[in-house]
Protein backbone atom coordinates (compact mmCIF):
# COMPACT_ATOMS: atom_id res chain seq x y z
CA MET A 1 6.21 15.19 13.02
CA PRO A 2 7.47 12.15 10.95
CA LYS A 3 5.21 11.11 8.28
CA ARG A 4 3.86 7.52 8.05
CA ILE A 5 5.04 5.04 5.68
CA LEU A 6 3.40 2.10 4.77
CA THR A 7 4.16 -0.35 2.01
CA GLY A 8 0.96 -2.30 0.72
CA THR A 9 -0.14 -3.72 -3.01
CA VAL A 10 -2.16 -1.91 -5.37
CA VAL A 11 -5.66 -3.36 -5.66
CA SER A 12 -7.79 -0.90 -7.87
CA ASP A 13 -5.91 1.71 -10.31
CA LYS A 14 -9.44 2.73 -11.73
CA GLY A 15 -8.91 5.99 -10.73
CA ASP A 16 -7.39 9.25 -12.61
CA LYS A 17 -3.93 10.08 -10.83
CA THR A 18 -5.75 7.66 -7.85
CA VAL A 19 -4.76 3.92 -6.62
CA VAL A 20 -6.11 1.64 -3.83
CA VAL A 21 -3.53 0.24 -1.67
CA LYS A 22 -4.35 -2.90 0.44
CA VAL A 23 -2.07 -2.50 3.60
CA GLU A 24 -2.11 -5.87 5.60
CA ARG A 25 -0.95 -6.23 9.34
CA LYS A 26 -0.50 -9.15 11.39
CA VAL A 27 -1.99 -9.25 15.54
CA LYS A 28 -2.34 -11.41 17.74
CA HIS A 29 -6.01 -12.18 19.84
CA PRO A 30 -6.28 -10.85 22.75
CA LEU A 31 -7.93 -13.92 23.98
CA TYR A 32 -6.74 -16.85 22.10
CA GLY A 33 -2.97 -15.56 20.79
CA LYS A 34 -3.71 -16.39 17.67
CA ILE A 35 -1.95 -14.38 15.04
CA ILE A 36 -4.92 -13.02 12.91
CA ARG A 37 -4.17 -10.73 9.16
CA ARG A 38 -6.02 -7.55 9.51
CA SER A 39 -6.17 -5.15 6.68
CA LYS A 40 -6.95 -1.92 5.75
CA LYS A 41 -7.16 0.00 2.06
CA TYR A 42 -5.85 3.86 1.19
CA HIS A 43 -6.63 5.75 -1.47
CA ALA A 44 -3.10 7.26 -2.92
CA HIS A 45 -2.13 10.07 -5.33
CA ASP A 46 -0.04 8.64 -8.12
CA GLU A 47 0.50 11.99 -10.23
CA ASP A 48 1.97 9.85 -13.55
CA ASN A 49 -0.92 6.84 -13.38
CA ALA A 50 2.21 4.53 -13.68
CA ILE A 51 1.36 2.39 -11.13
CA LYS A 52 -0.48 -0.61 -12.27
CA ALA A 53 -3.01 -3.29 -9.84
CA GLY A 54 -1.16 -6.38 -8.53
CA GLU A 55 2.15 -3.86 -8.10
CA THR A 56 3.91 -3.71 -4.21
CA VAL A 57 4.37 0.09 -3.33
CA ARG A 58 5.40 2.22 -0.38
CA ILE A 59 2.91 5.06 0.35
CA GLU A 60 3.45 8.42 2.31
CA GLU A 61 1.11 10.34 4.57
CA THR A 62 1.04 13.88 3.43
CA LYS A 63 -1.89 16.89 3.71
CA PRO A 64 -5.24 16.02 2.20
CA ILE A 65 -5.46 16.08 -1.90
CA SER A 66 -8.85 15.84 -1.64
CA LYS A 67 -12.33 13.95 0.34
CA LEU A 68 -10.36 10.21 0.35
CA LYS A 69 -7.06 11.33 -0.61
CA THR A 70 -4.37 11.60 2.21
CA TRP A 71 -1.37 9.82 1.06
CA LYS A 72 1.08 9.89 -1.96
CA VAL A 73 2.70 7.18 -3.92
CA LEU A 74 6.54 7.14 -2.81
CA ASP A 75 8.10 4.34 -5.25
CA LYS A 76 7.66 0.46 -6.82
CA VAL A 77 9.24 -2.20 -4.35
CA GLU A 78 11.38 -3.61 -6.74
CA ALA A 79 12.32 -6.57 -4.21
CA SER A 80 9.51 -8.80 -4.14
CA ILE A 81 9.24 -12.82 -3.25
CA LYS A 82 8.37 -13.38 -7.01
CA ALA A 83 11.62 -11.87 -8.47
CA LYS A 84 13.41 -13.91 -5.36
CA ALA A 85 12.21 -17.05 -6.56
CA SER A 86 13.14 -16.81 -10.34
CA GLU A 87 16.76 -16.03 -9.57
CA VAL A 88 17.03 -19.02 -7.62
C-alpha cells in the first residue's frame, strides 16, 4: 500500500526533532455548496532539526515513532508563491 504524502506549513518547531505541520484542504459544504477550508495538524519527525516555522514542507506517512508522531518530513517545498512573486 502506498504511503500518503501531504503538503503543509510548519506552525511549530519547538520540540526536539519534531515539527507540527498544518495541512489545509478545501471541501464543498454538503448543503450550501460553498467551498470551505478544513485544516488538520500533524506531528512530523525532523531528524536534523533543519525545518523552521513558516516553511512549506512535504510529509510522508510512516510507522509510529512516538505517541503522536506517525509522519516524517520528506523535504522543503522550494516553489512558493513568495519566490514566484519576487522573480517577476
